[in-house]
Amino acid sequence: MQQNNSTTEFILLGLTQDPMKKKTVFVIFFIFYLGTVVGNLLIIVTIKSSRTLGSPMYYFLFYLSLADSCLSTSTAPRLIVDSLSAKNIITYNECMTQVFALHFFGCMEVFVLLLMAFDRYVAICKPLHYPTIMSRRVCTILIVLAWIGSFIHSTAQIILALRLPFCGPNLIDHYCCDLQPLLKLACIDTYKINLLLVSNSGAICSSSFVILMISYIVILHSLRNHSAEGRKKALSTCTSHIIVVVLCFGPCIFTYTRPPTTYPMDKMMAVFYTIGTPLVNPLIYTLRNAEVKNAMRKLWHIKITSESRR
């Protein structure tokens, strides 16, 4: 990576500098990360192994869990390891790589949530055309477009980051590398770059949130014409999706749609959407979804039966 500065490394200040609190951070986030990886991998394996979870909704859920696992992995392991270190040094190239990964998988999560909302809209509002509109070929094309869109977004972010010159302090008051904390260290006027950041990440978060909320309002309004049982099932699915959307987009909008100023809650907001949301998503989609729970039970029953026969 080409550097436009004399800085070769940064020092991450993390969530806290207190030695005792750092041990607490290690324990808590190790458990969180372990739960995230296990929960999302369980969903991935269940969907891949189950014949009953072949609908487009679970096809998209598979990629949501994949994006969540990778998003959490882009930040959590470093946070966990750094909580045991006295000086948390990250090289320039590692920092830029983390910026790219954070935005790539974060954007992928946003796009998959949009696809899941579109799937629910077609299923509930246009049920007769659902098999044609949401065919496997169409779903595959949509996922490929989501990957391409995420790559374009993260490439734009890394280009902005690589253009920042760093010639002074190298202390990042954060637990990971992202454009907002890096802007504070740049030795140029970052007003225009921040506008580009807001028009990119901020616009994606805000517009996606508005689109999702409008789509779910339309879906909930159309449920009046369904039977009581159909309303109950659709409402349960949409409620799960809405909870995930609010948890994901609230911190995201707070972070990327404002000037590069520091607030005490910035780190907690970042923890929420990089570690908290990937942890909560599997819980929401399994605890509130009978089909996923039944498929998991069958999967584990088969594995236990096959092991016992050996």
Protein backbone atom coordinates (compact mmCIF):
# COMPACT_ATOMS: atom_id res chain seq x y z
CA MET A 1 0.00 0.00 0.00
CA GLN A 2 1.31 3.43 -0.88
CA GLN A 3 1.75 5.76 2.06
CA ASN A 4 1.39 9.51 1.77
CA ASN A 5 3.00 10.09 5.19
CA SER A 6 5.86 9.25 7.53
CA THR A 7 3.76 7.07 9.87
CA THR A 8 4.42 3.33 9.67
CA GLU A 9 2.35 2.22 12.66
CA PHE A 10 -0.43 3.32 14.98
CA ILE A 11 -1.15 2.65 18.64
CA LEU A 12 -4.72 1.60 19.47
CA LEU A 13 -5.84 2.88 22.87
CA GLY A 14 -8.63 0.29 23.00
CA LEU A 15 -11.71 0.48 25.18
CA THR A 16 -9.76 1.22 28.37
CA GLN A 17 -6.21 1.68 29.66
CA ASP A 18 -6.96 0.34 33.15
CA PRO A 19 -5.19 -3.07 33.61
CA MET A 20 -8.03 -4.57 35.66
CA LYS A 21 -10.69 -3.37 33.25
CA LYS A 22 -8.66 -4.75 30.33
CA LYS A 23 -8.89 -8.22 31.89
CA THR A 24 -12.66 -7.79 32.13
CA VAL A 25 -12.73 -6.70 28.47
CA PHE A 26 -10.80 -9.85 27.54
CA VAL A 27 -13.24 -12.18 29.31
CA ILE A 28 -16.42 -10.45 28.09
CA PHE A 29 -15.43 -10.07 24.44
CA PHE A 30 -13.87 -13.52 24.24
CA ILE A 31 -17.26 -14.92 25.29
CA PHE A 32 -19.06 -12.57 22.89
CA TYR A 33 -16.84 -13.52 19.95
CA LEU A 34 -17.07 -17.22 20.72
CA GLY A 35 -20.87 -16.93 20.87
CA THR A 36 -20.92 -15.00 17.59
CA VAL A 37 -18.81 -17.53 15.70
CA VAL A 38 -20.59 -20.58 17.13
CA GLY A 39 -24.08 -19.09 16.65
CA ASN A 40 -23.53 -17.96 13.07
CA LEU A 41 -21.69 -21.13 12.05
CA LEU A 42 -24.55 -23.16 13.52
CA ILE A 43 -27.01 -21.27 11.31
CA ILE A 44 -24.75 -21.68 8.26
CA VAL A 45 -24.37 -25.45 8.81
CA THR A 46 -28.08 -25.89 9.57
CA ILE A 47 -29.21 -24.09 6.40
CA LYS A 48 -26.68 -25.95 4.24
CA SER A 49 -27.66 -29.33 5.73
CA SER A 50 -31.44 -28.95 5.96
CA ARG A 51 -33.79 -29.64 3.06
CA THR A 52 -36.63 -27.73 4.75
CA LEU A 53 -34.70 -24.43 4.76
CA GLY A 54 -34.38 -24.01 1.03
CA SER A 55 -36.51 -20.89 0.62
CA PRO A 56 -34.95 -17.54 -0.44
CA MET A 57 -35.31 -16.15 3.10
CA TYR A 58 -32.93 -18.80 4.46
CA TYR A 59 -30.69 -18.46 1.42
CA PHE A 60 -30.22 -14.79 2.38
CA LEU A 61 -29.97 -15.68 6.10
CA PHE A 62 -27.03 -17.94 5.20
CA TYR A 63 -25.15 -14.96 3.74
CA LEU A 64 -26.18 -12.69 6.62
CA SER A 65 -24.62 -15.14 9.08
CA LEU A 66 -21.52 -15.39 6.89
CA ALA A 67 -21.19 -11.59 6.75
CA ASP A 68 -21.78 -11.32 10.52
CA SER A 69 -19.05 -13.88 11.28
CA CYS A 70 -16.55 -12.07 9.05
CA LEU A 71 -17.54 -8.60 10.35
CA SER A 72 -16.98 -9.66 13.94
CA THR A 73 -13.71 -11.40 12.99
CA SER A 74 -12.41 -8.17 11.43
CA THR A 75 -12.38 -6.44 14.84
CA ALA A 76 -13.04 -8.76 17.81
CA PRO A 77 -9.86 -10.95 17.75
CA ARG A 78 -7.64 -7.85 17.73
CA LEU A 79 -9.62 -6.30 20.59
CA ILE A 80 -9.32 -9.53 22.61
CA VAL A 81 -5.56 -9.90 22.04
CA ASP A 82 -4.87 -6.20 22.66
CA SER A 83 -6.67 -6.37 26.00
CA LEU A 84 -3.79 -8.58 27.22
CA SER A 85 -1.04 -6.34 25.79
CA ALA A 86 0.57 -3.30 27.34
CA LYS A 87 1.12 -1.49 24.01
CA ASN A 88 -1.30 -2.18 21.18
CA ILE A 89 0.61 -1.47 17.97
CA ILE A 90 -0.96 -1.92 14.54
CA THR A 91 1.02 -1.35 11.35
CA TYR A 92 -0.15 1.03 8.64
CA ASN A 93 -0.93 -1.83 6.23
CA GLU A 94 -2.80 -3.81 8.90
CA CYS A 95 -4.81 -0.70 9.74
CA MET A 96 -5.80 -0.13 6.10
CA THR A 97 -6.70 -3.81 5.75
CA GLN A 98 -8.95 -3.57 8.78
CA VAL A 99 -10.68 -0.49 7.34
CA PHE A 100 -11.36 -2.40 4.11
CA ALA A 101 -12.64 -5.55 5.88
CA LEU A 102 -14.82 -3.59 8.30
CA HIS A 103 -16.60 -1.73 5.51
CA PHE A 104 -16.74 -4.67 3.12
CA PHE A 105 -18.53 -7.04 5.49
CA GLY A 106 -20.52 -4.26 7.17
CA CYS A 107 -21.86 -3.15 3.79
CA MET A 108 -22.59 -6.76 2.84
CA GLU A 109 -24.70 -7.09 5.98
CA VAL A 110 -26.67 -3.97 5.01
CA PHE A 111 -27.30 -5.23 1.47
CA VAL A 112 -28.39 -8.68 2.68
CA LEU A 113 -30.86 -7.09 5.09
CA LEU A 114 -32.27 -5.14 2.12
CA LEU A 115 -32.62 -8.38 0.14
CA MET A 116 -34.36 -10.08 3.07
CA ALA A 117 -36.83 -7.20 3.27
CA PHE A 118 -37.45 -7.44 -0.49
CA ASP A 119 -38.02 -11.19 -0.13
CA ARG A 120 -40.61 -10.65 2.63
CA TYR A 121 -42.31 -7.91 0.57
CA VAL A 122 -42.71 -10.20 -2.46
CA ALA A 123 -43.79 -13.18 -0.31
CA ILE A 124 -46.50 -11.23 1.52
CA CYS A 125 -47.63 -8.62 -1.01
CA LYS A 126 -47.25 -10.64 -4.25
CA PRO A 127 -47.57 -14.30 -3.17
CA LEU A 128 -48.75 -15.57 -6.58
CA HIS A 129 -45.65 -14.20 -8.33
CA TYR A 130 -43.24 -15.15 -5.53
CA PRO A 131 -41.81 -18.37 -7.10
CA THR A 132 -41.06 -16.52 -10.35
CA ILE A 133 -39.66 -13.32 -8.87
CA MET A 134 -37.58 -15.00 -6.15
CA SER A 135 -36.23 -17.93 -8.13
CA ARG A 136 -32.83 -19.36 -7.15
CA ARG A 137 -31.25 -17.75 -10.21
CA VAL A 138 -32.59 -14.32 -9.24
CA CYS A 139 -31.45 -14.78 -5.62
CA THR A 140 -27.95 -15.75 -6.78
CA ILE A 141 -27.75 -12.67 -9.02
CA LEU A 142 -28.88 -10.45 -6.14
CA ILE A 143 -26.25 -11.89 -3.79
CA VAL A 144 -23.52 -11.45 -6.42
CA LEU A 145 -24.60 -7.82 -6.86
CA ALA A 146 -24.46 -7.39 -3.07
CA TRP A 147 -20.85 -8.67 -3.01
CA ILE A 148 -19.92 -6.36 -5.89
CA GLY A 149 -21.62 -3.38 -4.23
CA SER A 150 -19.81 -4.10 -0.96
CA PHE A 151 -16.48 -4.29 -2.78
CA ILE A 152 -17.10 -0.95 -4.52
CA HIS A 153 -18.08 0.69 -1.23
CA SER A 154 -15.08 -0.62 0.72
CA THR A 155 -12.73 0.26 -2.15
CA ALA A 156 -14.01 3.85 -2.05
CA GLN A 157 -13.39 3.92 1.72
CA ILE A 158 -9.85 2.55 1.46
CA ILE A 159 -9.03 5.09 -1.27
CA LEU A 160 -10.09 7.87 1.13
CA ALA A 161 -8.00 6.34 3.92
CA LEU A 162 -4.91 5.94 1.73
CA ARG A 163 -5.07 9.60 0.74
CA LEU A 164 -4.82 10.76 4.36
CA PRO A 165 -1.33 12.06 5.29
CA PHE A 166 -0.19 11.28 8.86
CA CYS A 167 2.77 13.27 10.12
CA GLY A 168 2.07 13.80 13.81
CA PRO A 169 0.56 11.77 16.68
CA ASN A 170 -0.18 8.11 15.95
CA LEU A 171 -2.48 7.35 18.90
CA ILE A 172 -5.89 6.10 17.74
CA ASP A 173 -8.47 6.56 20.48
CA HIS A 174 -10.35 3.45 19.44
CA TYR A 175 -10.11 -0.35 19.50
CA CYS A 176 -9.99 -0.67 15.69
CA CYS A 177 -9.03 1.30 12.60
CA ASP A 178 -11.85 3.17 10.91
CA LEU A 179 -12.06 6.37 8.91
CA GLN A 180 -13.61 8.48 11.67
CA PRO A 181 -10.75 8.05 14.22
CA LEU A 182 -8.15 8.24 11.42
CA LEU A 183 -9.51 11.61 10.26
CA LYS A 184 -8.58 13.07 13.65
CA LEU A 185 -4.91 12.14 13.11
CA ALA A 186 -4.58 13.43 9.55
CA CYS A 187 -2.42 16.54 9.15
CA ILE A 188 -4.70 18.18 6.56
CA ASP A 189 -8.13 19.76 6.55
CA THR A 190 -10.45 16.73 6.48
CA TYR A 191 -13.70 18.62 5.81
CA LYS A 192 -14.04 17.45 2.18
CA ILE A 193 -13.01 13.89 3.01
CA ASN A 194 -15.59 13.78 5.79
CA LEU A 195 -18.24 14.97 3.33
CA LEU A 196 -17.27 12.07 1.05
CA LEU A 197 -17.46 9.71 4.03
CA VAL A 198 -20.95 10.95 4.93
CA SER A 199 -22.09 10.80 1.29
CA ASN A 200 -20.82 7.20 1.04
CA SER A 201 -21.20 5.31 4.32
CA GLY A 202 -23.69 7.76 5.80
CA ALA A 203 -25.89 7.72 2.71
CA ILE A 204 -25.85 3.91 2.49
CA CYS A 205 -26.84 3.56 6.17
CA SER A 206 -29.52 6.26 6.15
CA SER A 207 -31.12 5.45 2.78
CA SER A 208 -31.10 1.71 3.49
CA PHE A 209 -32.74 2.27 6.88
CA VAL A 210 -35.48 4.45 5.34
CA ILE A 211 -36.10 1.92 2.54
CA LEU A 212 -36.28 -0.95 5.04
CA MET A 213 -38.68 0.87 7.36
CA ILE A 214 -40.96 1.86 4.45
CA SER A 215 -40.95 -1.71 3.11
CA TYR A 216 -41.89 -3.19 6.49
CA ILE A 217 -44.63 -0.59 6.99
CA VAL A 218 -46.07 -1.59 3.58
CA ILE A 219 -45.78 -5.28 4.53
CA LEU A 220 -47.47 -4.82 7.89
CA HIS A 221 -50.24 -2.78 6.26
CA SER A 222 -50.87 -5.52 3.68
CA LEU A 223 -51.25 -8.16 6.41
CA ARG A 224 -54.83 -6.97 6.98
CA ASN A 225 -55.90 -9.09 4.00
CA HIS A 226 -54.33 -12.31 5.31
CA SER A 227 -55.77 -14.99 7.54
CA ALA A 228 -55.12 -14.94 11.30
CA GLU A 229 -52.55 -17.73 11.02
CA GLY A 230 -50.84 -16.09 8.04
CA ARG A 231 -50.73 -12.75 9.87
CA LYS A 232 -49.18 -14.37 12.94
CA LYS A 233 -46.43 -16.13 10.96
CA ALA A 234 -45.62 -13.10 8.81
CA LEU A 235 -45.68 -10.77 11.81
CA SER A 236 -43.25 -13.02 13.70
CA THR A 237 -40.81 -13.05 10.76
CA CYS A 238 -41.06 -9.30 10.13
CA THR A 239 -40.65 -8.48 13.82
CA SER A 240 -37.37 -10.39 13.88
CA HIS A 241 -36.17 -8.52 10.82
CA ILE A 242 -37.19 -5.11 12.22
CA ILE A 243 -35.34 -5.78 15.49
CA VAL A 244 -32.17 -6.64 13.54
CA VAL A 245 -32.54 -3.55 11.35
CA VAL A 246 -32.89 -1.17 14.31
CA LEU A 247 -29.96 -2.76 16.18
CA CYS A 248 -27.75 -2.62 13.09
CA PHE A 249 -28.62 0.78 11.62
CA GLY A 250 -28.98 2.88 14.79
CA PRO A 251 -25.26 2.86 15.71
CA CYS A 252 -24.25 2.91 12.03
CA ILE A 253 -26.22 6.11 11.32
CA PHE A 254 -24.91 7.72 14.53
CA THR A 255 -21.30 7.04 13.50
CA TYR A 256 -21.28 7.87 9.78
CA THR A 257 -23.74 10.74 9.36
CA ARG A 258 -22.07 13.44 11.48
CA PRO A 259 -18.90 15.60 11.51
CA PRO A 260 -15.67 13.98 12.79
CA THR A 261 -16.21 14.98 16.39
CA THR A 262 -15.57 12.79 19.42
CA TYR A 263 -18.33 11.64 21.75
CA PRO A 264 -17.91 9.47 24.87
CA MET A 265 -20.25 6.84 23.42
CA ASP A 266 -18.42 6.43 20.09
CA LYS A 267 -16.57 3.26 21.11
CA MET A 268 -19.70 1.67 22.57
CA MET A 269 -21.61 2.43 19.38
CA ALA A 270 -18.84 0.79 17.34
CA VAL A 271 -18.89 -2.24 19.66
CA PHE A 272 -22.63 -2.48 19.11
CA TYR A 273 -22.55 -2.75 15.31
CA THR A 274 -19.24 -4.62 14.88
CA ILE A 275 -19.59 -7.14 17.72
CA GLY A 276 -23.04 -6.79 19.32
CA THR A 277 -25.20 -7.09 16.20
CA PRO A 278 -23.40 -10.20 14.81
CA LEU A 279 -23.86 -11.79 18.26
CA VAL A 280 -27.56 -10.93 18.55
CA ASN A 281 -28.60 -11.87 14.99
CA PRO A 282 -28.32 -15.68 15.48
CA LEU A 283 -30.28 -15.44 18.74
CA ILE A 284 -33.08 -13.46 17.09
CA TYR A 285 -33.34 -15.70 14.04
CA THR A 286 -33.24 -18.96 16.01
CA LEU A 287 -35.28 -18.10 19.11
CA ARG A 288 -38.05 -16.46 17.08
CA ASN A 289 -38.07 -18.91 14.17
CA ALA A 290 -39.66 -22.33 14.67
CA GLU A 291 -38.44 -23.68 11.30
CA VAL A 292 -34.78 -22.94 12.11
CA LYS A 293 -35.13 -24.45 15.62
CA ASN A 294 -36.75 -27.61 14.25
CA ALA A 295 -34.08 -27.94 11.56
CA MET A 296 -31.36 -27.58 14.22
CA ARG A 297 -33.00 -30.26 16.39
CA LYS A 298 -33.19 -32.66 13.43
CA LEU A 299 -29.58 -31.93 12.49
CA TRP A 300 -28.27 -32.64 15.98
CA HIS A 301 -30.55 -35.68 16.33
CA ILE A 302 -29.07 -37.15 13.13
CA LYS A 303 -25.52 -36.45 14.30
CA ILE A 304 -26.12 -37.95 17.75
CA THR A 305 -27.80 -41.04 16.21
CA SER A 306 -24.94 -41.57 13.74
CA GLU A 307 -22.37 -41.19 16.53
CA SER A 308 -24.19 -43.66 18.78
CA ARG A 309 -24.30 -46.27 15.98
CA ARG A 310 -20.52 -46.07 15.71
